[in-house]
PDB file of all heavy atoms in Angstrom:
ATOM      1  N   ILE A   1     203.370  98.455  80.454  1.00  0.00           N
ATOM      2  CA  ILE A   1     203.676  97.468  81.437  1.00  0.00           C
ATOM      3  C   ILE A   1     205.022  97.765  82.078  1.00  0.00           C
ATOM      4  O   ILE A   1     205.207  97.676  83.293  1.00  0.00           O
ATOM      5  CB  ILE A   1     203.735  96.066  80.778  1.00  0.00           C
ATOM      6  CG1 ILE A   1     202.326  95.691  80.299  1.00  0.00           C
ATOM      7  CG2 ILE A   1     204.276  94.993  81.733  1.00  0.00           C
ATOM      8  CD1 ILE A   1     202.269  94.410  79.480  1.00  0.00           C
ATOM      9  N   TYR A   2     206.000  98.145  81.257  1.00  0.00           N
ATOM     10  CA  TYR A   2     207.338  98.504  81.751  1.00  0.00           C
ATOM     11  C   TYR A   2     207.270  99.794  82.549  1.00  0.00           C
ATOM     12  O   TYR A   2     207.952  99.892  83.577  1.00  0.00           O
ATOM     13  CB  TYR A   2     208.313  98.683  80.611  1.00  0.00           C
ATOM     14  CG  TYR A   2     208.498  97.429  79.748  1.00  0.00           C
ATOM     15  CD1 TYR A   2     207.819  97.296  78.549  1.00  0.00           C
ATOM     16  CD2 TYR A   2     209.274  96.378  80.192  1.00  0.00           C
ATOM     17  CE1 TYR A   2     207.949  96.132  77.799  1.00  0.00           C
ATOM     18  CE2 TYR A   2     209.451  95.259  79.461  1.00  0.00           C
ATOM     19  CZ  TYR A   2     208.751  95.123  78.228  1.00  0.00           C
ATOM     20  OH  TYR A   2     208.907  93.964  77.472  1.00  0.00           O
ATOM     21  N   TYR A   3     206.414 100.692  82.154  1.00  0.00           N
ATOM     22  CA  TYR A   3     206.280 101.980  82.900  1.00  0.00           C
ATOM     23  C   TYR A   3     205.820 101.749  84.332  1.00  0.00           C
ATOM     24  O   TYR A   3     206.347 102.314  85.275  1.00  0.00           O
ATOM     25  CB  TYR A   3     205.367 102.938  82.174  1.00  0.00           C
ATOM     26  CG  TYR A   3     205.153 104.256  82.879  1.00  0.00           C
ATOM     27  CD1 TYR A   3     206.028 105.291  82.649  1.00  0.00           C
ATOM     28  CD2 TYR A   3     204.099 104.418  83.781  1.00  0.00           C
ATOM     29  CE1 TYR A   3     205.908 106.504  83.294  1.00  0.00           C
ATOM     30  CE2 TYR A   3     203.957 105.654  84.443  1.00  0.00           C
ATOM     31  CZ  TYR A   3     204.845 106.673  84.173  1.00  0.00           C
ATOM     32  OH  TYR A   3     204.704 107.872  84.860  1.00  0.00           O
ATOM     33  N   TYR A   4     204.764 100.923  84.468  1.00  0.00           N
ATOM     34  CA  TYR A   4     204.191 100.738  85.766  1.00  0.00           C
ATOM     35  C   TYR A   4     204.880  99.663  86.648  1.00  0.00           C
ATOM     36  O   TYR A   4     204.860  99.742  87.862  1.00  0.00           O
ATOM     37  CB  TYR A   4     202.685 100.358  85.634  1.00  0.00           C
ATOM     38  CG  TYR A   4     201.828 101.523  85.272  1.00  0.00           C
ATOM     39  CD1 TYR A   4     201.244 101.600  83.973  1.00  0.00           C
ATOM     40  CD2 TYR A   4     201.601 102.585  86.126  1.00  0.00           C
ATOM     41  CE1 TYR A   4     200.473 102.646  83.617  1.00  0.00           C
ATOM     42  CE2 TYR A   4     200.829 103.660  85.770  1.00  0.00           C
ATOM     43  CZ  TYR A   4     200.259 103.720  84.544  1.00  0.00           C
ATOM     44  OH  TYR A   4     199.490 104.796  84.136  1.00  0.00           O
ATOM     45  N   PHE A   5     205.423  98.664  86.028  1.00  0.00           N
ATOM     46  CA  PHE A   5     205.945  97.519  86.769  1.00  0.00           C
ATOM     47  C   PHE A   5     207.434  97.186  86.574  1.00  0.00           C
ATOM     48  O   PHE A   5     208.000  96.481  87.401  1.00  0.00           O
ATOM     49  CB  PHE A   5     205.103  96.247  86.384  1.00  0.00           C
ATOM     50  CG  PHE A   5     203.622  96.475  86.546  1.00  0.00           C
ATOM     51  CD1 PHE A   5     202.807  96.738  85.447  1.00  0.00           C
ATOM     52  CD2 PHE A   5     203.061  96.467  87.811  1.00  0.00           C
ATOM     53  CE1 PHE A   5     201.459  96.880  85.627  1.00  0.00           C
ATOM     54  CE2 PHE A   5     201.697  96.659  87.984  1.00  0.00           C
ATOM     55  CZ  PHE A   5     200.886  96.862  86.872  1.00  0.00           C
ATOM     56  N   GLY A   6     208.059  97.759  85.566  1.00  0.00           N
ATOM     57  CA  GLY A   6     209.485  97.513  85.393  1.00  0.00           C
ATOM     58  C   GLY A   6     209.784  96.393  84.442  1.00  0.00           C
ATOM     59  O   GLY A   6     210.451  96.599  83.442  1.00  0.00           O
ATOM     60  N   ASP A   7     209.421  95.203  84.769  1.00  0.00           N
ATOM     61  CA  ASP A   7     209.642  94.040  83.898  1.00  0.00           C
ATOM     62  C   ASP A   7     208.575  92.957  84.172  1.00  0.00           C
ATOM     63  O   ASP A   7     207.707  93.120  85.028  1.00  0.00           O
ATOM     64  CB  ASP A   7     211.057  93.481  84.076  1.00  0.00           C
ATOM     65  CG  ASP A   7     211.364  93.037  85.508  1.00  0.00           C
ATOM     66  OD1 ASP A   7     210.402  92.734  86.219  1.00  0.00           O
ATOM     67  OD2 ASP A   7     212.545  93.033  85.901  1.00  0.00           O
ATOM     68  N   LYS A   8     208.660  91.897  83.426  1.00  0.00           N
ATOM     69  CA  LYS A   8     207.652  90.821  83.478  1.00  0.00           C
ATOM     70  C   LYS A   8     207.580  90.203  84.875  1.00  0.00           C
ATOM     71  O   LYS A   8     206.463  89.964  85.424  1.00  0.00           O
ATOM     72  CB  LYS A   8     207.923  89.772  82.451  1.00  0.00           C
ATOM     73  CG  LYS A   8     206.852  88.682  82.379  1.00  0.00           C
ATOM     74  CD  LYS A   8     207.230  87.644  81.280  1.00  0.00           C
ATOM     75  CE  LYS A   8     206.177  86.557  81.235  1.00  0.00           C
ATOM     76  NZ  LYS A   8     206.523  85.510  80.196  1.00  0.00           N
ATOM     77  N   GLU A   9     208.709  89.952  85.497  1.00  0.00           N
ATOM     78  CA  GLU A   9     208.738  89.307  86.815  1.00  0.00           C
ATOM     79  C   GLU A   9     208.090  90.225  87.857  1.00  0.00           C
ATOM     80  O   GLU A   9     207.282  89.766  88.676  1.00  0.00           O
ATOM     81  CB  GLU A   9     210.140  88.982  87.245  1.00  0.00           C
ATOM     82  CG  GLU A   9     210.243  88.343  88.613  1.00  0.00           C
ATOM     83  CD  GLU A   9     211.638  87.923  88.966  1.00  0.00           C
ATOM     84  OE1 GLU A   9     212.306  87.260  88.177  1.00  0.00           O
ATOM     85  OE2 GLU A   9     212.135  88.298  90.079  1.00  0.00           O
ATOM     86  N   ALA A  10     208.460  91.467  87.835  1.00  0.00           N
ATOM     87  CA  ALA A  10     207.833  92.449  88.811  1.00  0.00           C
ATOM     88  C   ALA A  10     206.330  92.554  88.567  1.00  0.00           C
ATOM     89  O   ALA A  10     205.611  92.734  89.545  1.00  0.00           O
ATOM     90  CB  ALA A  10     208.539  93.800  88.678  1.00  0.00           C
ATOM     91  N   PHE A  11     205.916  92.504  87.328  1.00  0.00           N
ATOM     92  CA  PHE A  11     204.511  92.562  87.011  1.00  0.00           C
ATOM     93  C   PHE A  11     203.778  91.322  87.580  1.00  0.00           C
ATOM     94  O   PHE A  11     202.740  91.473  88.227  1.00  0.00           O
ATOM     95  CB  PHE A  11     204.369  92.591  85.467  1.00  0.00           C
ATOM     96  CG  PHE A  11     202.975  92.781  84.974  1.00  0.00           C
ATOM     97  CD1 PHE A  11     201.952  93.402  85.708  1.00  0.00           C
ATOM     98  CD2 PHE A  11     202.644  92.333  83.655  1.00  0.00           C
ATOM     99  CE1 PHE A  11     200.662  93.498  85.259  1.00  0.00           C
ATOM    100  CE2 PHE A  11     201.338  92.494  83.209  1.00  0.00           C
ATOM    101  CZ  PHE A  11     200.377  93.033  83.976  1.00  0.00           C
ATOM    102  N   TYR A  12     204.366  90.179  87.410  1.00  0.00           N
ATOM    103  CA  TYR A  12     203.728  88.935  87.921  1.00  0.00           C
ATOM    104  C   TYR A  12     203.614  89.058  89.425  1.00  0.00           C
ATOM    105  O   TYR A  12     202.578  88.687  90.072  1.00  0.00           O
ATOM    106  CB  TYR A  12     204.528  87.710  87.528  1.00  0.00           C
ATOM    107  CG  TYR A  12     204.028  86.410  88.092  1.00  0.00           C
ATOM    108  CD1 TYR A  12     203.101  85.651  87.410  1.00  0.00           C
ATOM    109  CD2 TYR A  12     204.465  85.974  89.328  1.00  0.00           C
ATOM    110  CE1 TYR A  12     202.608  84.469  87.909  1.00  0.00           C
ATOM    111  CE2 TYR A  12     203.946  84.774  89.856  1.00  0.00           C
ATOM    112  CZ  TYR A  12     203.042  84.019  89.148  1.00  0.00           C
ATOM    113  OH  TYR A  12     202.586  82.863  89.705  1.00  0.00           O
ATOM    114  N   ILE A  13     204.687  89.472  90.086  1.00  0.00           N
ATOM    115  CA  ILE A  13     204.659  89.556  91.553  1.00  0.00           C
ATOM    116  C   ILE A  13     203.623  90.570  92.016  1.00  0.00           C
ATOM    117  O   ILE A  13     202.936  90.348  93.013  1.00  0.00           O
ATOM    118  CB  ILE A  13     206.061  89.960  92.083  1.00  0.00           C
ATOM    119  CG1 ILE A  13     207.061  88.792  91.847  1.00  0.00           C
ATOM    120  CG2 ILE A  13     206.042  90.342  93.526  1.00  0.00           C
ATOM    121  CD1 ILE A  13     208.470  89.107  92.108  1.00  0.00           C
ATOM    122  N   ALA A  14     203.439  91.698  91.313  1.00  0.00           N
ATOM    123  CA  ALA A  14     202.450  92.675  91.662  1.00  0.00           C
ATOM    124  C   ALA A  14     201.039  92.063  91.508  1.00  0.00           C
ATOM    125  O   ALA A  14     200.176  92.259  92.367  1.00  0.00           O
ATOM    126  CB  ALA A  14     202.558  93.888  90.734  1.00  0.00           C
ATOM    127  N   VAL A  15     200.821  91.255  90.446  1.00  0.00           N
ATOM    128  CA  VAL A  15     199.532  90.618  90.194  1.00  0.00           C
ATOM    129  C   VAL A  15     199.274  89.607  91.356  1.00  0.00           C
ATOM    130  O   VAL A  15     198.159  89.527  91.965  1.00  0.00           O
ATOM    131  CB  VAL A  15     199.432  89.952  88.860  1.00  0.00           C
ATOM    132  CG1 VAL A  15     198.267  89.006  88.729  1.00  0.00           C
ATOM    133  CG2 VAL A  15     199.445  91.005  87.758  1.00  0.00           C
ATOM    134  N   LEU A  16     200.278  88.843  91.700  1.00  0.00           N
ATOM    135  CA  LEU A  16     200.116  87.835  92.770  1.00  0.00           C
ATOM    136  C   LEU A  16     199.811  88.469  94.085  1.00  0.00           C
ATOM    137  O   LEU A  16     198.950  88.041  94.801  1.00  0.00           O
ATOM    138  CB  LEU A  16     201.445  87.074  92.847  1.00  0.00           C
ATOM    139  CG  LEU A  16     201.470  85.827  93.692  1.00  0.00           C
ATOM    140  CD1 LEU A  16     200.574  84.703  93.180  1.00  0.00           C
ATOM    141  CD2 LEU A  16     202.905  85.281  93.871  1.00  0.00           C
ATOM    142  N   ASN A  17     200.533  89.566  94.387  1.00  0.00           N
ATOM    143  CA  ASN A  17     200.317  90.304  95.621  1.00  0.00           C
ATOM    144  C   ASN A  17     198.902  90.891  95.689  1.00  0.00           C
ATOM    145  O   ASN A  17     198.205  90.703  96.722  1.00  0.00           O
ATOM    146  CB  ASN A  17     201.314  91.470  95.703  1.00  0.00           C
ATOM    147  CG  ASN A  17     201.333  92.167  97.060  1.00  0.00           C
ATOM    148  OD1 ASN A  17     200.526  91.849  97.942  1.00  0.00           O
ATOM    149  ND2 ASN A  17     202.269  93.070  97.222  1.00  0.00           N
ATOM    150  N   GLU A  18     198.462  91.481  94.584  1.00  0.00           N
ATOM    151  CA  GLU A  18     197.112  92.057  94.586  1.00  0.00           C
ATOM    152  C   GLU A  18     196.011  90.939  94.655  1.00  0.00           C
ATOM    153  O   GLU A  18     194.997  91.191  95.343  1.00  0.00           O
ATOM    154  CB  GLU A  18     196.959  92.860  93.278  1.00  0.00           C
ATOM    155  CG  GLU A  18     195.558  93.419  93.047  1.00  0.00           C
ATOM    156  CD  GLU A  18     195.088  94.379  94.172  1.00  0.00           C
ATOM    157  OE1 GLU A  18     195.936  94.975  94.789  1.00  0.00           O
ATOM    158  OE2 GLU A  18     193.853  94.500  94.382  1.00  0.00           O
ATOM    159  N   ALA A  19     196.246  89.811  93.997  1.00  0.00           N
ATOM    160  CA  ALA A  19     195.281  88.770  94.086  1.00  0.00           C
ATOM    161  C   ALA A  19     195.052  88.262  95.493  1.00  0.00           C
ATOM    162  O   ALA A  19     193.917  88.049  95.887  1.00  0.00           O
ATOM    163  CB  ALA A  19     195.715  87.648  93.139  1.00  0.00           C
ATOM    164  N   TYR A  20     196.138  88.036  96.159  1.00  0.00           N
ATOM    165  CA  TYR A  20     196.032  87.585  97.569  1.00  0.00           C
ATOM    166  C   TYR A  20     195.476  88.685  98.482  1.00  0.00           C
ATOM    167  O   TYR A  20     194.689  88.422  99.423  1.00  0.00           O
ATOM    168  CB  TYR A  20     197.381  87.117  98.065  1.00  0.00           C
ATOM    169  CG  TYR A  20     197.612  85.663  97.797  1.00  0.00           C
ATOM    170  CD1 TYR A  20     198.278  85.222  96.672  1.00  0.00           C
ATOM    171  CD2 TYR A  20     197.217  84.650  98.705  1.00  0.00           C
ATOM    172  CE1 TYR A  20     198.510  83.899  96.434  1.00  0.00           C
ATOM    173  CE2 TYR A  20     197.435  83.302  98.499  1.00  0.00           C
ATOM    174  CZ  TYR A  20     198.097  82.920  97.345  1.00  0.00           C
ATOM    175  OH  TYR A  20     198.314  81.587  97.079  1.00  0.00           O
ATOM    176  N   SER A  21     195.917  89.869  98.229  1.00  0.00           N
ATOM    177  CA  SER A  21     195.401  91.040  99.012  1.00  0.00           C
ATOM    178  C   SER A  21     193.908  91.191  98.870  1.00  0.00           C
ATOM    179  O   SER A  21     193.173  91.544  99.877  1.00  0.00           O
ATOM    180  CB  SER A  21     196.083  92.333  98.656  1.00  0.00           C
ATOM    181  OG  SER A  21     197.502  92.286  98.911  1.00  0.00           O
ATOM    182  N   ALA A  22     193.373  90.929  97.687  1.00  0.00           N
ATOM    183  CA  ALA A  22     191.915  91.128  97.450  1.00  0.00           C
ATOM    184  C   ALA A  22     191.079  90.129  98.229  1.00  0.00           C
ATOM    185  O   ALA A  22     190.056  90.534  98.812  1.00  0.00           O
ATOM    186  CB  ALA A  22     191.660  90.961  95.954  1.00  0.00           C
ATOM    187  N   ILE A  23     191.495  88.862  98.314  1.00  0.00           N
ATOM    188  CA  ILE A  23     190.685  87.900  99.126  1.00  0.00           C
ATOM    189  C   ILE A  23     190.782  88.223 100.594  1.00  0.00           C
ATOM    190  O   ILE A  23     189.809  88.148 101.333  1.00  0.00           O
ATOM    191  CB  ILE A  23     191.065  86.464  98.819  1.00  0.00           C
ATOM    192  CG1 ILE A  23     190.066  85.510  99.498  1.00  0.00           C
ATOM    193  CG2 ILE A  23     192.489  86.149  99.253  1.00  0.00           C
ATOM    194  CD1 ILE A  23     190.199  84.093  99.112  1.00  0.00           C
ATOM    195  N   ARG A  24     191.939  88.669 101.028  1.00  0.00           N
ATOM    196  CA  ARG A  24     192.091  89.053 102.446  1.00  0.00           C
ATOM    197  C   ARG A  24     191.257  90.303 102.762  1.00  0.00           C
ATOM    198  O   ARG A  24     190.691  90.426 103.805  1.00  0.00           O
ATOM    199  CB  ARG A  24     193.546  89.324 102.792  1.00  0.00           C
ATOM    200  CG  ARG A  24     194.515  88.142 102.572  1.00  0.00           C
ATOM    201  CD  ARG A  24     194.318  87.021 103.603  1.00  0.00           C
ATOM    202  NE  ARG A  24     193.223  86.111 103.331  1.00  0.00           N
ATOM    203  CZ  ARG A  24     193.370  84.960 102.651  1.00  0.00           C
ATOM    204  NH1 ARG A  24     194.565  84.683 102.139  1.00  0.00           N
ATOM    205  NH2 ARG A  24     192.322  84.151 102.496  1.00  0.00           N
ATOM    206  N   SER A  25     191.154  91.225 101.774  1.00  0.00           N
ATOM    207  CA  SER A  25     190.314  92.405 101.952  1.00  0.00           C
ATOM    208  C   SER A  25     188.837  92.037 102.053  1.00  0.00           C
ATOM    209  O   SER A  25     188.136  92.618 102.886  1.00  0.00           O
ATOM    210  CB  SER A  25     190.531  93.368 100.794  1.00  0.00           C
ATOM    211  OG  SER A  25     189.710  94.507 100.881  1.00  0.00           O
ATOM    212  N   SER A  26     188.443  91.057 101.283  1.00  0.00           N
ATOM    213  CA  SER A  26     187.051  90.592 101.377  1.00  0.00           C
ATOM    214  C   SER A  26     186.739  90.005 102.752  1.00  0.00           C
ATOM    215  O   SER A  26     185.613  90.192 103.265  1.00  0.00           O
ATOM    216  CB  SER A  26     186.713  89.544 100.309  1.00  0.00           C
ATOM    217  OG  SER A  26     187.262  88.272 100.610  1.00  0.00           O
ATOM    218  N   GLU A  27     187.715  89.361 103.350  1.00  0.00           N
ATOM    219  CA  GLU A  27     187.517  88.799 104.690  1.00  0.00           C
ATOM    220  C   GLU A  27     187.526  89.891 105.754  1.00  0.00           C
ATOM    221  O   GLU A  27     186.787  89.773 106.758  1.00  0.00           O
ATOM    222  CB  GLU A  27     188.643  87.775 104.970  1.00  0.00           C
ATOM    223  CG  GLU A  27     188.529  86.560 104.088  1.00  0.00           C
ATOM    224  CD  GLU A  27     189.766  85.680 104.114  1.00  0.00           C
ATOM    225  OE1 GLU A  27     190.778  86.102 104.722  1.00  0.00           O
ATOM    226  OE2 GLU A  27     189.735  84.610 103.491  1.00  0.00           O
ATOM    227  N   ALA A  28     188.345  90.900 105.560  1.00  0.00           N
ATOM    228  CA  ALA A  28     188.393  91.998 106.528  1.00  0.00           C
ATOM    229  C   ALA A  28     187.062  92.752 106.641  1.00  0.00           C
ATOM    230  O   ALA A  28     186.760  93.335 107.652  1.00  0.00           O
ATOM    231  CB  ALA A  28     189.506  92.986 106.152  1.00  0.00           C
ATOM    232  N   GLN A  29     186.267  92.678 105.605  1.00  0.00           N
ATOM    233  CA  GLN A  29     184.975  93.386 105.554  1.00  0.00           C
ATOM    234  C   GLN A  29     183.870  92.570 106.219  1.00  0.00           C
ATOM    235  O   GLN A  29     182.716  93.069 106.328  1.00  0.00           O
ATOM    236  CB  GLN A  29     184.574  93.680 104.136  1.00  0.00           C
ATOM    237  CG  GLN A  29     185.535  94.619 103.433  1.00  0.00           C
ATOM    238  CD  GLN A  29     185.185  94.761 101.937  1.00  0.00           C
ATOM    239  OE1 GLN A  29     184.075  94.726 101.532  1.00  0.00           O
ATOM    240  NE2 GLN A  29     186.234  95.019 101.156  1.00  0.00           N
ATOM    241  N   LEU A  30     184.165  91.383 106.681  1.00  0.00           N
ATOM    242  CA  LEU A  30     183.099  90.520 107.309  1.00  0.00           C
ATOM    243  C   LEU A  30     182.801  90.835 108.747  1.00  0.00           C
ATOM    244  O   LEU A  30     181.789  90.414 109.249  1.00  0.00           O
ATOM    245  CB  LEU A  30     183.581  89.006 107.210  1.00  0.00           C
ATOM    246  CG  LEU A  30     183.825  88.468 105.842  1.00  0.00           C
ATOM    247  CD1 LEU A  30     184.299  87.012 105.934  1.00  0.00           C
ATOM    248  CD2 LEU A  30     182.547  88.520 105.003  1.00  0.00           C
ATOM    249  N   ASP A  31     183.657  91.686 109.342  1.00  0.00           N
ATOM    250  CA  ASP A  31     183.447  92.129 110.733  1.00  0.00           C
ATOM    251  C   ASP A  31     183.287  90.932 111.674  1.00  0.00           C
ATOM    252  O   ASP A  31     182.330  90.881 112.462  1.00  0.00           O
ATOM    253  CB  ASP A  31     182.190  93.032 110.793  1.00  0.00           C
ATOM    254  CG  ASP A  31     182.165  93.885 112.042  1.00  0.00           C
ATOM    255  OD1 ASP A  31     183.208  94.027 112.692  1.00  0.00           O
ATOM    256  OD2 ASP A  31     181.075  94.415 112.375  1.00  0.00           O
ATOM    257  N   LEU A  32     184.180  89.984 111.586  1.00  0.00           N
ATOM    258  CA  LEU A  32     184.094  88.767 112.342  1.00  0.00           C
ATOM    259  C   LEU A  32     184.154  88.960 113.834  1.00  0.00           C
ATOM    260  O   LEU A  32     183.470  88.264 114.594  1.00  0.00           O
ATOM    261  CB  LEU A  32     185.177  87.778 111.906  1.00  0.00           C
ATOM    262  CG  LEU A  32     185.231  87.369 110.420  1.00  0.00           C
ATOM    263  CD1 LEU A  32     186.414  86.423 110.206  1.00  0.00           C
ATOM    264  CD2 LEU A  32     183.932  86.707 110.030  1.00  0.00           C
ATOM    265  N   ASP A  33     184.877  89.968 114.265  1.00  0.00           N
ATOM    266  CA  ASP A  33     185.024  90.209 115.707  1.00  0.00           C
ATOM    267  C   ASP A  33     183.705  90.619 116.365  1.00  0.00           C
ATOM    268  O   ASP A  33     183.527  90.474 117.593  1.00  0.00           O
ATOM    269  CB  ASP A  33     186.066  91.317 115.963  1.00  0.00           C
ATOM    270  CG  ASP A  33     187.482  90.839 115.628  1.00  0.00           C
ATOM    271  OD1 ASP A  33     187.745  89.618 115.714  1.00  0.00           O
ATOM    272  OD2 ASP A  33     188.311  91.676 115.304  1.00  0.00           O
ATOM    273  N   ALA A  34     182.779  91.098 115.561  1.00  0.00           N
ATOM    274  CA  ALA A  34     181.490  91.593 116.134  1.00  0.00           C
ATOM    275  C   ALA A  34     180.416  90.490 116.171  1.00  0.00           C
ATOM    276  O   ALA A  34     179.355  90.692 116.747  1.00  0.00           O
ATOM    277  CB  ALA A  34     180.982  92.778 115.297  1.00  0.00           C
ATOM    278  N   LEU A  35     180.747  89.273 115.653  1.00  0.00           N
ATOM    279  CA  LEU A  35     179.744  88.207 115.597  1.00  0.00           C
ATOM    280  C   LEU A  35     180.063  87.132 116.642  1.00  0.00           C
ATOM    281  O   LEU A  35     181.204  86.941 117.003  1.00  0.00           O
ATOM    282  CB  LEU A  35     179.797  87.581 114.228  1.00  0.00           C
ATOM    283  CG  LEU A  35     179.438  88.482 113.003  1.00  0.00           C
ATOM    284  CD1 LEU A  35     179.622  87.769 111.681  1.00  0.00           C
ATOM    285  CD2 LEU A  35     177.976  88.921 113.103  1.00  0.00           C
TER     286      LEU A  35
END
């Protein structure tokens, strides 16, 4: 955990960032502009 993220706070922020990025990525795959 320390090797990849540094400390607990940085780890939490990385998880939070990835969690929000994942739902936005799912929306980006919907090809809304073409519908």
